[in-house]
Each structure stands twice: as structure tokens, then as C-alpha cells.
Amino acid sequence: MSKRSVWRGPFIKQNFFKAIYLSDSKKIKTTSRNTFILPFLIGKIIQIHNGKFFIPINIREEMVGHKLGEFVNTRLRHIYKKKKTKK
């Protein structure tokens, strides 16, 4: 999983942690992509910044132990344009 030592525990940004406990709504915005997903986040909708937009992610049980940034792509897929055919 992660290379962070066990005695230090999982990383959670303090601003993100405060926002979760102080807000009554299920939707929370964050730019902290390196924050670990812990069991108390299950069922919440977190909007994660990918560098341009905030993308909403619904936290499920399978996501616990991973980082928030793993579920949001930062790069767009390249799509080739179709050439126009002459008639």
C-alpha cells in the first residue's frame, strides 16, 4: 500500500479534517490529493481538485486505505479528430 511508516499513521490534512467535522452537508471540497481515505468518510461525497475542476467522488468501502488522488485523473485522454472526406 503506502510507504508511510506505521507508527506515524495515515496522513490527513488538518483543514480537510476540520471541514468534515464542522460541515453538516455531505459534500466537501478539497485540493488535498494525498489524504488517506478512512472509514468515517464512507458515504460522503468529496469533491477533489484535479488541477482544473473539482470532480465529485462518492466514497465507498473498497476505497478505504487509498489516497483521494488515486480516484481522479489529472490528464485528459487524447482523442484523434476524424478527417473530413471529400465528396
PDB file of N, CA and C in Angstrom:
ATOM      1  N   MET A   1       0.822  -1.185   0.000  1.00  0.00           N
ATOM      2  CA  MET A   1       0.000   0.000   0.000  1.00  0.00           C
ATOM      3  C   MET A   1       0.868   1.251   0.000  1.00  0.00           C
ATOM      4  N   SER A   2       1.002   1.902   1.133  1.00  0.00           N
ATOM      5  CA  SER A   2       1.771   3.139   1.160  1.00  0.00           C
ATOM      6  C   SER A   2       3.139   2.891   1.781  1.00  0.00           C
ATOM      7  N   LYS A   3       4.035   3.840   1.576  1.00  0.00           N
ATOM      8  CA  LYS A   3       5.373   3.729   2.135  1.00  0.00           C
ATOM      9  C   LYS A   3       5.508   4.519   3.432  1.00  0.00           C
ATOM     10  N   ARG A   4       4.414   5.013   3.930  1.00  0.00           N
ATOM     11  CA  ARG A   4       4.443   5.770   5.182  1.00  0.00           C
ATOM     12  C   ARG A   4       4.569   4.798   6.345  1.00  0.00           C
ATOM     13  N   SER A   5       5.378   5.162   7.347  1.00  0.00           N
ATOM     14  CA  SER A   5       5.618   4.256   8.460  1.00  0.00           C
ATOM     15  C   SER A   5       4.356   4.060   9.298  1.00  0.00           C
ATOM     16  N   VAL A   6       4.256   2.898   9.920  1.00  0.00           N
ATOM     17  CA  VAL A   6       3.065   2.530  10.684  1.00  0.00           C
ATOM     18  C   VAL A   6       2.904   3.408  11.920  1.00  0.00           C
ATOM     19  N   TRP A   7       3.990   3.732  12.584  1.00  0.00           N
ATOM     20  CA  TRP A   7       3.888   4.495  13.818  1.00  0.00           C
ATOM     21  C   TRP A   7       3.403   5.914  13.584  1.00  0.00           C
ATOM     22  N   ARG A   8       3.554   6.449  12.369  1.00  0.00           N
ATOM     23  CA  ARG A   8       3.076   7.799  12.073  1.00  0.00           C
ATOM     24  C   ARG A   8       1.588   7.814  11.753  1.00  0.00           C
ATOM     25  N   GLY A   9       1.069   6.722  11.262  1.00  0.00           N
ATOM     26  CA  GLY A   9      -0.350   6.646  10.938  1.00  0.00           C
ATOM     27  C   GLY A   9      -0.665   7.280   9.598  1.00  0.00           C
ATOM     28  N   PRO A  10      -1.920   7.221   9.167  1.00  0.00           N
ATOM     29  CA  PRO A  10      -2.308   7.773   7.869  1.00  0.00           C
ATOM     30  C   PRO A  10      -2.304   9.302   7.892  1.00  0.00           C
ATOM     31  N   PHE A  11      -2.008   9.906   6.749  1.00  0.00           N
ATOM     32  CA  PHE A  11      -1.961  11.361   6.637  1.00  0.00           C
ATOM     33  C   PHE A  11      -3.342  11.914   6.323  1.00  0.00           C
ATOM     34  N   ILE A  12      -3.753  12.920   7.094  1.00  0.00           N
ATOM     35  CA  ILE A  12      -4.983  13.657   6.812  1.00  0.00           C
ATOM     36  C   ILE A  12      -4.658  15.126   7.021  1.00  0.00           C
ATOM     37  N   LYS A  13      -4.928  15.942   6.015  1.00  0.00           N
ATOM     38  CA  LYS A  13      -4.669  17.376   6.116  1.00  0.00           C
ATOM     39  C   LYS A  13      -5.599  17.971   7.168  1.00  0.00           C
ATOM     40  N   GLN A  14      -5.075  18.841   8.012  1.00  0.00           N
ATOM     41  CA  GLN A  14      -5.862  19.384   9.127  1.00  0.00           C
ATOM     42  C   GLN A  14      -7.076  20.179   8.653  1.00  0.00           C
ATOM     43  N   ASN A  15      -6.920  20.965   7.591  1.00  0.00           N
ATOM     44  CA  ASN A  15      -8.044  21.752   7.087  1.00  0.00           C
ATOM     45  C   ASN A  15      -9.162  20.849   6.590  1.00  0.00           C
ATOM     46  N   PHE A  16      -8.792  19.748   5.944  1.00  0.00           N
ATOM     47  CA  PHE A  16      -9.765  18.784   5.440  1.00  0.00           C
ATOM     48  C   PHE A  16     -10.487  18.104   6.605  1.00  0.00           C
ATOM     49  N   PHE A  17      -9.732  17.747   7.633  1.00  0.00           N
ATOM     50  CA  PHE A  17     -10.288  17.079   8.809  1.00  0.00           C
ATOM     51  C   PHE A  17     -11.291  17.986   9.521  1.00  0.00           C
ATOM     52  N   LYS A  18     -10.967  19.271   9.651  1.00  0.00           N
ATOM     53  CA  LYS A  18     -11.872  20.228  10.292  1.00  0.00           C
ATOM     54  C   LYS A  18     -13.134  20.429   9.450  1.00  0.00           C
ATOM     55  N   ALA A  19     -12.959  20.490   8.136  1.00  0.00           N
ATOM     56  CA  ALA A  19     -14.103  20.711   7.254  1.00  0.00           C
ATOM     57  C   ALA A  19     -15.104  19.570   7.337  1.00  0.00           C
ATOM     58  N   ILE A  20     -14.627  18.354   7.515  1.00  0.00           N
ATOM     59  CA  ILE A  20     -15.513  17.191   7.611  1.00  0.00           C
ATOM     60  C   ILE A  20     -16.359  17.263   8.877  1.00  0.00           C
ATOM     61  N   TYR A  21     -15.725  17.570   9.993  1.00  0.00           N
ATOM     62  CA  TYR A  21     -16.445  17.568  11.260  1.00  0.00           C
ATOM     63  C   TYR A  21     -17.297  18.811  11.483  1.00  0.00           C
ATOM     64  N   LEU A  22     -16.924  19.932  10.886  1.00  0.00           N
ATOM     65  CA  LEU A  22     -17.687  21.160  11.099  1.00  0.00           C
ATOM     66  C   LEU A  22     -18.852  21.319  10.132  1.00  0.00           C
ATOM     67  N   SER A  23     -18.790  20.659   8.973  1.00  0.00           N
ATOM     68  CA  SER A  23     -19.869  20.823   7.995  1.00  0.00           C
ATOM     69  C   SER A  23     -20.955  19.769   8.207  1.00  0.00           C
ATOM     70  N   ASP A  24     -22.192  20.196   8.008  1.00  0.00           N
ATOM     71  CA  ASP A  24     -23.321  19.283   8.139  1.00  0.00           C
ATOM     72  C   ASP A  24     -23.631  18.596   6.818  1.00  0.00           C
ATOM     73  N   SER A  25     -23.201  19.204   5.715  1.00  0.00           N
ATOM     74  CA  SER A  25     -23.518  18.642   4.408  1.00  0.00           C
ATOM     75  C   SER A  25     -22.610  17.457   4.087  1.00  0.00           C
ATOM     76  N   LYS A  26     -23.037  16.664   3.121  1.00  0.00           N
ATOM     77  CA  LYS A  26     -22.253  15.512   2.698  1.00  0.00           C
ATOM     78  C   LYS A  26     -21.162  15.903   1.717  1.00  0.00           C
ATOM     79  N   LYS A  27     -21.323  17.063   1.039  1.00  0.00           N
ATOM     80  CA  LYS A  27     -20.359  17.476   0.024  1.00  0.00           C
ATOM     81  C   LYS A  27     -19.260  18.325   0.641  1.00  0.00           C
ATOM     82  N   ILE A  28     -18.009  17.952   0.359  1.00  0.00           N
ATOM     83  CA  ILE A  28     -16.853  18.663   0.884  1.00  0.00           C
ATOM     84  C   ILE A  28     -15.861  18.850  -0.257  1.00  0.00           C
ATOM     85  N   LYS A  29     -15.322  20.056  -0.419  1.00  0.00           N
ATOM     86  CA  LYS A  29     -14.327  20.330  -1.446  1.00  0.00           C
ATOM     87  C   LYS A  29     -12.938  20.257  -0.838  1.00  0.00           C
ATOM     88  N   THR A  30     -11.984  19.686  -1.593  1.00  0.00           N
ATOM     89  CA  THR A  30     -10.611  19.629  -1.124  1.00  0.00           C
ATOM     90  C   THR A  30      -9.639  19.619  -2.291  1.00  0.00           C
ATOM     91  N   THR A  31      -8.447  20.118  -2.028  1.00  0.00           N
ATOM     92  CA  THR A  31      -7.358  20.036  -3.005  1.00  0.00           C
ATOM     93  C   THR A  31      -6.285  19.073  -2.513  1.00  0.00           C
ATOM     94  N   SER A  32      -6.488  18.492  -1.351  1.00  0.00           N
ATOM     95  CA  SER A  32      -5.519  17.585  -0.751  1.00  0.00           C
ATOM     96  C   SER A  32      -5.678  16.181  -1.335  1.00  0.00           C
ATOM     97  N   ARG A  33      -4.893  15.898  -2.365  1.00  0.00           N
ATOM     98  CA  ARG A  33      -4.978  14.609  -3.042  1.00  0.00           C
ATOM     99  C   ARG A  33      -4.211  13.520  -2.296  1.00  0.00           C
ATOM    100  N   ASN A  34      -3.330  13.901  -1.366  1.00  0.00           N
ATOM    101  CA  ASN A  34      -2.521  12.914  -0.660  1.00  0.00           C
ATOM    102  C   ASN A  34      -3.127  12.477   0.675  1.00  0.00           C
ATOM    103  N   THR A  35      -4.354  12.878   0.957  1.00  0.00           N
ATOM    104  CA  THR A  35      -5.052  12.482   2.176  1.00  0.00           C
ATOM    105  C   THR A  35      -5.584  11.056   2.042  1.00  0.00           C
ATOM    106  N   PHE A  36      -5.375  10.249   3.085  1.00  0.00           N
ATOM    107  CA  PHE A  36      -5.872   8.877   3.086  1.00  0.00           C
ATOM    108  C   PHE A  36      -7.374   8.842   3.328  1.00  0.00           C
ATOM    109  N   ILE A  37      -8.033   7.847   2.756  1.00  0.00           N
ATOM    110  CA  ILE A  37      -9.463   7.648   2.986  1.00  0.00           C
ATOM    111  C   ILE A  37      -9.617   6.721   4.189  1.00  0.00           C
ATOM    112  N   LEU A  38     -10.328   7.188   5.193  1.00  0.00           N
ATOM    113  CA  LEU A  38     -10.546   6.423   6.416  1.00  0.00           C
ATOM    114  C   LEU A  38     -12.013   6.022   6.523  1.00  0.00           C
ATOM    115  N   PRO A  39     -12.339   5.044   7.372  1.00  0.00           N
ATOM    116  CA  PRO A  39     -13.712   4.517   7.441  1.00  0.00           C
ATOM    117  C   PRO A  39     -14.798   5.546   7.760  1.00  0.00           C
ATOM    118  N   PHE A  40     -14.483   6.623   8.470  1.00  0.00           N
ATOM    119  CA  PHE A  40     -15.532   7.588   8.796  1.00  0.00           C
ATOM    120  C   PHE A  40     -15.955   8.428   7.592  1.00  0.00           C
ATOM    121  N   LEU A  41     -15.257   8.315   6.464  1.00  0.00           N
ATOM    122  CA  LEU A  41     -15.610   9.048   5.242  1.00  0.00           C
ATOM    123  C   LEU A  41     -16.589   8.292   4.353  1.00  0.00           C
ATOM    124  N   ILE A  42     -16.881   7.034   4.663  1.00  0.00           N
ATOM    125  CA  ILE A  42     -17.743   6.208   3.814  1.00  0.00           C
ATOM    126  C   ILE A  42     -19.133   6.846   3.724  1.00  0.00           C
ATOM    127  N   GLY A  43     -19.634   6.952   2.488  1.00  0.00           N
ATOM    128  CA  GLY A  43     -20.952   7.515   2.242  1.00  0.00           C
ATOM    129  C   GLY A  43     -20.958   9.006   1.965  1.00  0.00           C
ATOM    130  N   LYS A  44     -19.832   9.668   2.128  1.00  0.00           N
ATOM    131  CA  LYS A  44     -19.772  11.110   1.872  1.00  0.00           C
ATOM    132  C   LYS A  44     -19.347  11.365   0.436  1.00  0.00           C
ATOM    133  N   ILE A  45     -19.720  12.522  -0.080  1.00  0.00           N
ATOM    134  CA  ILE A  45     -19.321  12.931  -1.424  1.00  0.00           C
ATOM    135  C   ILE A  45     -18.240  13.991  -1.263  1.00  0.00           C
ATOM    136  N   ILE A  46     -17.055  13.699  -1.790  1.00  0.00           N
ATOM    137  CA  ILE A  46     -15.928  14.609  -1.673  1.00  0.00           C
ATOM    138  C   ILE A  46     -15.568  15.097  -3.068  1.00  0.00           C
ATOM    139  N   GLN A  47     -15.470  16.412  -3.212  1.00  0.00           N
ATOM    140  CA  GLN A  47     -15.085  16.993  -4.492  1.00  0.00           C
ATOM    141  C   GLN A  47     -13.578  17.225  -4.461  1.00  0.00           C
ATOM    142  N   ILE A  48     -12.853  16.483  -5.313  1.00  0.00           N
ATOM    143  CA  ILE A  48     -11.402  16.514  -5.332  1.00  0.00           C
ATOM    144  C   ILE A  48     -10.936  17.322  -6.535  1.00  0.00           C
ATOM    145  N   HIS A  49      -9.979  18.205  -6.317  1.00  0.00           N
ATOM    146  CA  HIS A  49      -9.467  19.062  -7.386  1.00  0.00           C
ATOM    147  C   HIS A  49      -8.446  18.292  -8.224  1.00  0.00           C
ATOM    148  N   ASN A  50      -8.623  18.316  -9.549  1.00  0.00           N
ATOM    149  CA  ASN A  50      -7.685  17.607 -10.423  1.00  0.00           C
ATOM    150  C   ASN A  50      -6.700  18.556 -11.098  1.00  0.00           C
ATOM    151  N   GLY A  51      -6.688  19.814 -10.698  1.00  0.00           N
ATOM    152  CA  GLY A  51      -5.819  20.810 -11.281  1.00  0.00           C
ATOM    153  C   GLY A  51      -6.594  21.821 -12.091  1.00  0.00           C
ATOM    154  N   LYS A  52      -7.799  21.476 -12.500  1.00  0.00           N
ATOM    155  CA  LYS A  52      -8.631  22.376 -13.284  1.00  0.00           C
ATOM    156  C   LYS A  52     -10.062  22.436 -12.757  1.00  0.00           C
ATOM    157  N   PHE A  53     -10.613  21.292 -12.415  1.00  0.00           N
ATOM    158  CA  PHE A  53     -12.003  21.198 -11.962  1.00  0.00           C
ATOM    159  C   PHE A  53     -12.067  20.456 -10.632  1.00  0.00           C
ATOM    160  N   PHE A  54     -13.208  20.580  -9.956  1.00  0.00           N
ATOM    161  CA  PHE A  54     -13.494  19.755  -8.788  1.00  0.00           C
ATOM    162  C   PHE A  54     -14.375  18.605  -9.257  1.00  0.00           C
ATOM    163  N   ILE A  55     -13.919  17.380  -9.051  1.00  0.00           N
ATOM    164  CA  ILE A  55     -14.638  16.202  -9.505  1.00  0.00           C
ATOM    165  C   ILE A  55     -15.235  15.489  -8.296  1.00  0.00           C
ATOM    166  N   PRO A  56     -16.567  15.313  -8.264  1.00  0.00           N
ATOM    167  CA  PRO A  56     -17.198  14.659  -7.105  1.00  0.00           C
ATOM    168  C   PRO A  56     -16.967  13.145  -7.113  1.00  0.00           C
ATOM    169  N   ILE A  57     -16.595  12.622  -5.961  1.00  0.00           N
ATOM    170  CA  ILE A  57     -16.360  11.185  -5.778  1.00  0.00           C
ATOM    171  C   ILE A  57     -17.172  10.730  -4.583  1.00  0.00           C
ATOM    172  N   ASN A  58     -17.965   9.671  -4.763  1.00  0.00           N
ATOM    173  CA  ASN A  58     -18.723   9.075  -3.664  1.00  0.00           C
ATOM    174  C   ASN A  58     -17.829   8.026  -3.006  1.00  0.00           C
ATOM    175  N   ILE A  59     -17.534   8.175  -1.732  1.00  0.00           N
ATOM    176  CA  ILE A  59     -16.611   7.284  -1.029  1.00  0.00           C
ATOM    177  C   ILE A  59     -17.326   5.983  -0.685  1.00  0.00           C
ATOM    178  N   ARG A  60     -16.729   4.868  -1.122  1.00  0.00           N
ATOM    179  CA  ARG A  60     -17.268   3.530  -0.853  1.00  0.00           C
ATOM    180  C   ARG A  60     -16.313   2.765   0.053  1.00  0.00           C
ATOM    181  N   GLU A  61     -16.758   1.626   0.513  1.00  0.00           N
ATOM    182  CA  GLU A  61     -15.987   0.825   1.460  1.00  0.00           C
ATOM    183  C   GLU A  61     -14.687   0.300   0.856  1.00  0.00           C
ATOM    184  N   GLU A  62     -14.678   0.036  -0.454  1.00  0.00           N
ATOM    185  CA  GLU A  62     -13.487  -0.513  -1.107  1.00  0.00           C
ATOM    186  C   GLU A  62     -12.359   0.523  -1.188  1.00  0.00           C
ATOM    187  N   MET A  63     -12.675   1.798  -1.032  1.00  0.00           N
ATOM    188  CA  MET A  63     -11.690   2.868  -1.180  1.00  0.00           C
ATOM    189  C   MET A  63     -10.874   3.121   0.088  1.00  0.00           C
ATOM    190  N   VAL A  64     -11.271   2.540   1.208  1.00  0.00           N
ATOM    191  CA  VAL A  64     -10.595   2.789   2.478  1.00  0.00           C
ATOM    192  C   VAL A  64      -9.151   2.301   2.389  1.00  0.00           C
ATOM    193  N   GLY A  65      -8.218   3.160   2.814  1.00  0.00           N
ATOM    194  CA  GLY A  65      -6.799   2.823   2.783  1.00  0.00           C
ATOM    195  C   GLY A  65      -6.076   3.401   1.577  1.00  0.00           C
ATOM    196  N   HIS A  66      -6.813   3.883   0.597  1.00  0.00           N
ATOM    197  CA  HIS A  66      -6.205   4.507  -0.575  1.00  0.00           C
ATOM    198  C   HIS A  66      -6.165   6.016  -0.372  1.00  0.00           C
ATOM    199  N   LYS A  67      -5.507   6.716  -1.302  1.00  0.00           N
ATOM    200  CA  LYS A  67      -5.454   8.169  -1.232  1.00  0.00           C
ATOM    201  C   LYS A  67      -6.538   8.762  -2.129  1.00  0.00           C
ATOM    202  N   LEU A  68      -6.963   9.994  -1.828  1.00  0.00           N
ATOM    203  CA  LEU A  68      -8.017  10.647  -2.601  1.00  0.00           C
ATOM    204  C   LEU A  68      -7.613  10.856  -4.057  1.00  0.00           C
ATOM    205  N   GLY A  69      -6.358  11.166  -4.303  1.00  0.00           N
ATOM    206  CA  GLY A  69      -5.882  11.459  -5.651  1.00  0.00           C
ATOM    207  C   GLY A  69      -5.889  10.276  -6.592  1.00  0.00           C
ATOM    208  N   GLU A  70      -5.992   9.064  -6.073  1.00  0.00           N
ATOM    209  CA  GLU A  70      -5.985   7.873  -6.918  1.00  0.00           C
ATOM    210  C   GLU A  70      -7.263   7.747  -7.739  1.00  0.00           C
ATOM    211  N   PHE A  71      -8.318   8.426  -7.352  1.00  0.00           N
ATOM    212  CA  PHE A  71      -9.615   8.254  -7.998  1.00  0.00           C
ATOM    213  C   PHE A  71      -9.969   9.402  -8.938  1.00  0.00           C
ATOM    214  N   VAL A  72      -9.030  10.327  -9.142  1.00  0.00           N
ATOM    215  CA  VAL A  72      -9.266  11.458 -10.028  1.00  0.00           C
ATOM    216  C   VAL A  72      -8.092  11.580 -10.991  1.00  0.00           C
ATOM    217  N   ASN A  73      -8.369  11.494 -12.284  1.00  0.00           N
ATOM    218  CA  ASN A  73      -7.320  11.644 -13.280  1.00  0.00           C
ATOM    219  C   ASN A  73      -6.947  13.105 -13.443  1.00  0.00           C
ATOM    220  N   THR A  74      -5.657  13.374 -13.597  1.00  0.00           N
ATOM    221  CA  THR A  74      -5.203  14.752 -13.780  1.00  0.00           C
ATOM    222  C   THR A  74      -4.943  15.065 -15.250  1.00  0.00           C
ATOM    223  N   ARG A  75      -4.932  14.072 -16.080  1.00  0.00           N
ATOM    224  CA  ARG A  75      -4.661  14.285 -17.502  1.00  0.00           C
ATOM    225  C   ARG A  75      -5.857  13.870 -18.337  1.00  0.00           C
ATOM    226  N   LEU A  76      -6.091  14.629 -19.396  1.00  0.00           N
ATOM    227  CA  LEU A  76      -7.197  14.316 -20.298  1.00  0.00           C
ATOM    228  C   LEU A  76      -6.780  13.244 -21.295  1.00  0.00           C
ATOM    229  N   ARG A  77      -7.726  12.441 -21.701  1.00  0.00           N
ATOM    230  CA  ARG A  77      -7.450  11.441 -22.737  1.00  0.00           C
ATOM    231  C   ARG A  77      -7.325  12.139 -24.076  1.00  0.00           C
ATOM    232  N   HIS A  78      -6.369  11.711 -24.862  1.00  0.00           N
ATOM    233  CA  HIS A  78      -6.199  12.289 -26.190  1.00  0.00           C
ATOM    234  C   HIS A  78      -7.111  11.564 -27.158  1.00  0.00           C
ATOM    235  N   ILE A  79      -7.912  12.325 -27.896  1.00  0.00           N
ATOM    236  CA  ILE A  79      -8.831  11.750 -28.876  1.00  0.00           C
ATOM    237  C   ILE A  79      -8.482  12.339 -30.231  1.00  0.00           C
ATOM    238  N   TYR A  80      -8.209  11.470 -31.186  1.00  0.00           N
ATOM    239  CA  TYR A  80      -7.877  11.923 -32.528  1.00  0.00           C
ATOM    240  C   TYR A  80      -9.128  12.430 -33.228  1.00  0.00           C
ATOM    241  N   LYS A  81      -8.951  13.515 -33.983  1.00  0.00           N
ATOM    242  CA  LYS A  81     -10.079  14.071 -34.734  1.00  0.00           C
ATOM    243  C   LYS A  81     -10.239  13.281 -36.020  1.00  0.00           C
ATOM    244  N   LYS A  82     -11.480  13.117 -36.439  1.00  0.00           N
ATOM    245  CA  LYS A  82     -11.750  12.448 -37.695  1.00  0.00           C
ATOM    246  C   LYS A  82     -11.516  13.419 -38.839  1.00  0.00           C
ATOM    247  N   LYS A  83     -10.910  12.916 -39.909  1.00  0.00           N
ATOM    248  CA  LYS A  83     -10.686  13.753 -41.079  1.00  0.00           C
ATOM    249  C   LYS A  83     -11.953  13.823 -41.898  1.00  0.00           C
ATOM    250  N   LYS A  84     -12.187  14.999 -42.461  1.00  0.00           N
ATOM    251  CA  LYS A  84     -13.351  15.163 -43.323  1.00  0.00           C
ATOM    252  C   LYS A  84     -13.046  14.541 -44.687  1.00  0.00           C
ATOM    253  N   THR A  85     -14.004  13.809 -45.211  1.00  0.00           N
ATOM    254  CA  THR A  85     -13.827  13.202 -46.540  1.00  0.00           C
ATOM    255  C   THR A  85     -14.447  14.089 -47.592  1.00  0.00           C
ATOM    256  N   LYS A  86     -13.798  14.146 -48.727  1.00  0.00           N
ATOM    257  CA  LYS A  86     -14.333  14.960 -49.829  1.00  0.00           C
ATOM    258  C   LYS A  86     -15.356  14.158 -50.588  1.00  0.00           C
ATOM    259  N   LYS A  87     -16.388  14.832 -51.046  1.00  0.00           N
ATOM    260  CA  LYS A  87     -17.438  14.172 -51.824  1.00  0.00           C
ATOM    261  C   LYS A  87     -17.365  14.544 -53.259  1.00  0.00           C
TER     262      LYS A  87
END
